[in-house]
PDB file of N, CA and C in Angstrom:
ATOM      1  N   MET A   1      12.364 -69.097  43.433  1.00  0.00           N
ATOM      2  CA  MET A   1      13.381 -69.359  44.438  1.00  0.00           C
ATOM      3  C   MET A   1      13.372 -70.826  44.871  1.00  0.00           C
ATOM      4  N   ALA A   2      12.165 -71.384  45.019  1.00  0.00           N
ATOM      5  CA  ALA A   2      12.057 -72.778  45.451  1.00  0.00           C
ATOM      6  C   ALA A   2      12.625 -73.718  44.391  1.00  0.00           C
ATOM      7  N   THR A   3      12.452 -73.362  43.125  1.00  0.00           N
ATOM      8  CA  THR A   3      12.972 -74.200  42.049  1.00  0.00           C
ATOM      9  C   THR A   3      14.494 -74.215  42.058  1.00  0.00           C
ATOM     10  N   ILE A   4      15.090 -73.091  42.324  1.00  0.00           N
ATOM     11  CA  ILE A   4      16.552 -73.006  42.380  1.00  0.00           C
ATOM     12  C   ILE A   4      17.091 -73.863  43.523  1.00  0.00           C
ATOM     13  N   LEU A   5      16.436 -73.788  44.672  1.00  0.00           N
ATOM     14  CA  LEU A   5      16.877 -74.601  45.813  1.00  0.00           C
ATOM     15  C   LEU A   5      16.732 -76.095  45.521  1.00  0.00           C
ATOM     16  N   LEU A   6      15.663 -76.448  44.832  1.00  0.00           N
ATOM     17  CA  LEU A   6      15.459 -77.847  44.465  1.00  0.00           C
ATOM     18  C   LEU A   6      16.541 -78.329  43.503  1.00  0.00           C
ATOM     19  N   VAL A   7      16.905 -77.518  42.541  1.00  0.00           N
ATOM     20  CA  VAL A   7      17.947 -77.876  41.574  1.00  0.00           C
ATOM     21  C   VAL A   7      19.297 -77.991  42.288  1.00  0.00           C
ATOM     22  N   VAL A   8      19.596 -77.074  43.185  1.00  0.00           N
ATOM     23  CA  VAL A   8      20.852 -77.136  43.944  1.00  0.00           C
ATOM     24  C   VAL A   8      20.892 -78.408  44.799  1.00  0.00           C
ATOM     25  N   ALA A   9      19.785 -78.735  45.440  1.00  0.00           N
ATOM     26  CA  ALA A   9      19.721 -79.966  46.245  1.00  0.00           C
ATOM     27  C   ALA A   9      19.910 -81.200  45.369  1.00  0.00           C
ATOM     28  N   ALA A  10      19.355 -81.176  44.163  1.00  0.00           N
ATOM     29  CA  ALA A  10      19.515 -82.310  43.252  1.00  0.00           C
ATOM     30  C   ALA A  10      20.974 -82.477  42.831  1.00  0.00           C
ATOM     31  N   PHE A  11      21.669 -81.372  42.571  1.00  0.00           N
ATOM     32  CA  PHE A  11      23.087 -81.461  42.209  1.00  0.00           C
ATOM     33  C   PHE A  11      23.927 -81.958  43.378  1.00  0.00           C
ATOM     34  N   ILE A  12      23.606 -81.534  44.582  1.00  0.00           N
ATOM     35  CA  ILE A  12      24.333 -82.019  45.761  1.00  0.00           C
ATOM     36  C   ILE A  12      24.103 -83.517  45.937  1.00  0.00           C
ATOM     37  N   ALA A  13      22.860 -83.962  45.784  1.00  0.00           N
ATOM     38  CA  ALA A  13      22.557 -85.391  45.902  1.00  0.00           C
ATOM     39  C   ALA A  13      23.261 -86.193  44.813  1.00  0.00           C
ATOM     40  N   PHE A  14      23.292 -85.672  43.603  1.00  0.00           N
ATOM     41  CA  PHE A  14      23.962 -86.359  42.504  1.00  0.00           C
ATOM     42  C   PHE A  14      25.460 -86.454  42.769  1.00  0.00           C
ATOM     43  N   GLY A  15      26.048 -85.374  43.264  1.00  0.00           N
ATOM     44  CA  GLY A  15      27.471 -85.395  43.612  1.00  0.00           C
ATOM     45  C   GLY A  15      27.774 -86.409  44.703  1.00  0.00           C
ATOM     46  N   GLY A  16      26.894 -86.505  45.692  1.00  0.00           N
ATOM     47  CA  GLY A  16      27.070 -87.499  46.745  1.00  0.00           C
ATOM     48  C   GLY A  16      26.984 -88.919  46.221  1.00  0.00           C
ATOM     49  N   ALA A  17      26.064 -89.152  45.298  1.00  0.00           N
ATOM     50  CA  ALA A  17      25.934 -90.486  44.707  1.00  0.00           C
ATOM     51  C   ALA A  17      27.155 -90.845  43.881  1.00  0.00           C
ATOM     52  N   ILE A  18      27.683 -89.884  43.129  1.00  0.00           N
ATOM     53  CA  ILE A  18      28.897 -90.133  42.344  1.00  0.00           C
ATOM     54  C   ILE A  18      30.070 -90.432  43.265  1.00  0.00           C
ATOM     55  N   PHE A  19      30.224 -89.630  44.303  1.00  0.00           N
ATOM     56  CA  PHE A  19      31.319 -89.854  45.250  1.00  0.00           C
ATOM     57  C   PHE A  19      31.173 -91.206  45.928  1.00  0.00           C
ATOM     58  N   HIS A  20      29.984 -91.527  46.378  1.00  0.00           N
ATOM     59  CA  HIS A  20      29.746 -92.796  47.058  1.00  0.00           C
ATOM     60  C   HIS A  20      29.969 -93.966  46.115  1.00  0.00           C
ATOM     61  N   GLY A  21      29.513 -93.830  44.883  1.00  0.00           N
ATOM     62  CA  GLY A  21      29.655 -94.915  43.917  1.00  0.00           C
ATOM     63  C   GLY A  21      31.083 -95.142  43.483  1.00  0.00           C
ATOM     64  N   TYR A  22      31.842 -94.088  43.272  1.00  0.00           N
ATOM     65  CA  TYR A  22      33.213 -94.233  42.770  1.00  0.00           C
ATOM     66  C   TYR A  22      34.203 -94.487  43.901  1.00  0.00           C
ATOM     67  N   SER A  23      34.299 -93.566  44.827  1.00  0.00           N
ATOM     68  CA  SER A  23      35.292 -93.689  45.899  1.00  0.00           C
ATOM     69  C   SER A  23      34.970 -94.852  46.833  1.00  0.00           C
ATOM     70  N   GLY A  24      33.714 -94.948  47.210  1.00  0.00           N
ATOM     71  CA  GLY A  24      33.319 -96.040  48.098  1.00  0.00           C
ATOM     72  C   GLY A  24      33.519 -97.398  47.467  1.00  0.00           C
ATOM     73  N   SER A  25      33.233 -97.481  46.172  1.00  0.00           N
ATOM     74  CA  SER A  25      33.405 -98.748  45.470  1.00  0.00           C
ATOM     75  C   SER A  25      34.879 -99.144  45.403  1.00  0.00           C
ATOM     76  N   LYS A  26      35.768 -98.174  45.184  1.00  0.00           N
ATOM     77  CA  LYS A  26      37.196 -98.490  45.161  1.00  0.00           C
ATOM     78  C   LYS A  26      37.660 -99.025  46.516  1.00  0.00           C
ATOM     79  N   ILE A  27      37.251 -98.375  47.571  1.00  0.00           N
ATOM     80  CA  ILE A  27      37.634 -98.822  48.920  1.00  0.00           C
ATOM     81  C   ILE A  27      37.038-100.198  49.201  1.00  0.00           C
ATOM     82  N   TYR A  28      35.771-100.372  48.859  1.00  0.00           N
ATOM     83  CA  TYR A  28      35.082-101.628  49.102  1.00  0.00           C
ATOM     84  C   TYR A  28      35.719-102.767  48.310  1.00  0.00           C
ATOM     85  N   MET A  29      36.058-102.510  47.043  1.00  0.00           N
ATOM     86  CA  MET A  29      36.659-103.549  46.207  1.00  0.00           C
ATOM     87  C   MET A  29      38.032-103.958  46.735  1.00  0.00           C
ATOM     88  N   ASP A  30      38.812-103.006  47.217  1.00  0.00           N
ATOM     89  CA  ASP A  30      40.113-103.353  47.776  1.00  0.00           C
ATOM     90  C   ASP A  30      39.963-104.259  48.993  1.00  0.00           C
ATOM     91  N   ASN A  31      38.951-104.000  49.802  1.00  0.00           N
ATOM     92  CA  ASN A  31      38.747-104.809  51.009  1.00  0.00           C
ATOM     93  C   ASN A  31      38.283-106.223  50.690  1.00  0.00           C
ATOM     94  N   TYR A  32      37.346-106.366  49.767  1.00  0.00           N
ATOM     95  CA  TYR A  32      36.842-107.720  49.550  1.00  0.00           C
ATOM     96  C   TYR A  32      37.717-108.525  48.619  1.00  0.00           C
ATOM     97  N   ARG A  33      38.562-107.896  47.820  1.00  0.00           N
ATOM     98  CA  ARG A  33      39.512-108.668  47.008  1.00  0.00           C
ATOM     99  C   ARG A  33      40.544-109.362  47.879  1.00  0.00           C
ATOM    100  N   GLY A  34      40.869-108.759  49.009  1.00  0.00           N
ATOM    101  CA  GLY A  34      41.824-109.351  49.931  1.00  0.00           C
ATOM    102  C   GLY A  34      41.217-110.418  50.825  1.00  0.00           C
ATOM    103  N   SER A  35      39.895-110.608  50.742  1.00  0.00           N
ATOM    104  CA  SER A  35      39.235-111.589  51.593  1.00  0.00           C
ATOM    105  C   SER A  35      39.267-112.969  50.938  1.00  0.00           C
ATOM    106  N   ASN A  36      38.802-113.947  51.677  1.00  0.00           N
ATOM    107  CA  ASN A  36      38.802-115.311  51.157  1.00  0.00           C
ATOM    108  C   ASN A  36      37.395-115.741  50.723  1.00  0.00           C
ATOM    109  N   LEU A  37      36.597-114.794  50.263  1.00  0.00           N
ATOM    110  CA  LEU A  37      35.258-115.105  49.779  1.00  0.00           C
ATOM    111  C   LEU A  37      35.330-115.755  48.395  1.00  0.00           C
ATOM    112  N   SER A  38      34.330-116.561  48.091  1.00  0.00           N
ATOM    113  CA  SER A  38      34.284-117.180  46.767  1.00  0.00           C
ATOM    114  C   SER A  38      33.977-116.117  45.718  1.00  0.00           C
ATOM    115  N   PRO A  39      34.330-116.366  44.460  1.00  0.00           N
ATOM    116  CA  PRO A  39      34.068-115.369  43.407  1.00  0.00           C
ATOM    117  C   PRO A  39      32.589-114.995  43.282  1.00  0.00           C
ATOM    118  N   ARG A  40      31.708-115.963  43.454  1.00  0.00           N
ATOM    119  CA  ARG A  40      30.274-115.660  43.369  1.00  0.00           C
ATOM    120  C   ARG A  40      29.850-114.727  44.497  1.00  0.00           C
ATOM    121  N   THR A  41      30.341-114.979  45.694  1.00  0.00           N
ATOM    122  CA  THR A  41      30.021-114.122  46.829  1.00  0.00           C
ATOM    123  C   THR A  41      30.588-112.728  46.629  1.00  0.00           C
ATOM    124  N   GLN A  42      31.777-112.645  46.060  1.00  0.00           N
ATOM    125  CA  GLN A  42      32.372-111.336  45.791  1.00  0.00           C
ATOM    126  C   GLN A  42      31.536-110.549  44.786  1.00  0.00           C
ATOM    127  N   SER A  43      31.086-111.204  43.730  1.00  0.00           N
ATOM    128  CA  SER A  43      30.301-110.489  42.727  1.00  0.00           C
ATOM    129  C   SER A  43      28.947-110.069  43.290  1.00  0.00           C
ATOM    130  N   LEU A  44      28.312-110.908  44.098  1.00  0.00           N
ATOM    131  CA  LEU A  44      27.046-110.524  44.716  1.00  0.00           C
ATOM    132  C   LEU A  44      27.241-109.395  45.716  1.00  0.00           C
ATOM    133  N   SER A  45      28.360-109.401  46.395  1.00  0.00           N
ATOM    134  CA  SER A  45      28.658-108.342  47.343  1.00  0.00           C
ATOM    135  C   SER A  45      28.838-107.010  46.626  1.00  0.00           C
ATOM    136  N   LEU A  46      29.550-107.018  45.511  1.00  0.00           N
ATOM    137  CA  LEU A  46      29.730-105.794  44.732  1.00  0.00           C
ATOM    138  C   LEU A  46      28.396-105.326  44.151  1.00  0.00           C
ATOM    139  N   LEU A  47      27.572-106.257  43.703  1.00  0.00           N
ATOM    140  CA  LEU A  47      26.254-105.901  43.194  1.00  0.00           C
ATOM    141  C   LEU A  47      25.411-105.232  44.272  1.00  0.00           C
ATOM    142  N   SER A  48      25.458-105.759  45.488  1.00  0.00           N
ATOM    143  CA  SER A  48      24.686-105.145  46.565  1.00  0.00           C
ATOM    144  C   SER A  48      25.223-103.754  46.888  1.00  0.00           C
ATOM    145  N   TRP A  49      26.541-103.559  46.790  1.00  0.00           N
ATOM    146  CA  TRP A  49      27.105-102.225  47.010  1.00  0.00           C
ATOM    147  C   TRP A  49      26.579-101.236  45.970  1.00  0.00           C
ATOM    148  N   GLN A  50      26.556-101.650  44.710  1.00  0.00           N
ATOM    149  CA  GLN A  50      26.083-100.763  43.655  1.00  0.00           C
ATOM    150  C   GLN A  50      24.585-100.475  43.796  1.00  0.00           C
ATOM    151  N   MET A  51      23.808-101.460  44.205  1.00  0.00           N
ATOM    152  CA  MET A  51      22.377-101.230  44.418  1.00  0.00           C
ATOM    153  C   MET A  51      22.163-100.261  45.580  1.00  0.00           C
ATOM    154  N   PHE A  52      22.966-100.383  46.620  1.00  0.00           N
ATOM    155  CA  PHE A  52      22.869 -99.445  47.728  1.00  0.00           C
ATOM    156  C   PHE A  52      23.187 -98.030  47.253  1.00  0.00           C
ATOM    157  N   THR A  53      24.157 -97.896  46.365  1.00  0.00           N
ATOM    158  CA  THR A  53      24.503 -96.579  45.826  1.00  0.00           C
ATOM    159  C   THR A  53      23.348 -95.997  45.024  1.00  0.00           C
ATOM    160  N   VAL A  54      22.654 -96.836  44.249  1.00  0.00           N
ATOM    161  CA  VAL A  54      21.546 -96.352  43.444  1.00  0.00           C
ATOM    162  C   VAL A  54      20.407 -95.861  44.350  1.00  0.00           C
ATOM    163  N   PHE A  55      20.127 -96.607  45.418  1.00  0.00           N
ATOM    164  CA  PHE A  55      19.031 -96.218  46.306  1.00  0.00           C
ATOM    165  C   PHE A  55      19.428 -95.190  47.327  1.00  0.00           C
ATOM    166  N   TYR A  56      20.708 -94.864  47.400  1.00  0.00           N
ATOM    167  CA  TYR A  56      21.198 -93.875  48.350  1.00  0.00           C
ATOM    168  C   TYR A  56      20.678 -92.549  47.933  1.00  0.00           C
TER     169      TYR A  56
END
C-alpha cells in the first residue's frame, strides 16, 4: 500500500513539474519579452526559471 501511495505522489509531483515548466514558462516568457531587459539578462532570467522548475 505504501508503494502505491509513493508512486501516486511521484506522478502528482511530475505532473506539477510539467505544468510549472510548460505553462509557467509561457507566461514568464511573454512577460519578459515585453520588457526592456538586455538579451543576456533575458536568457539568464529564463535559465533561472528553468532551474527553479527542476528543483521544484
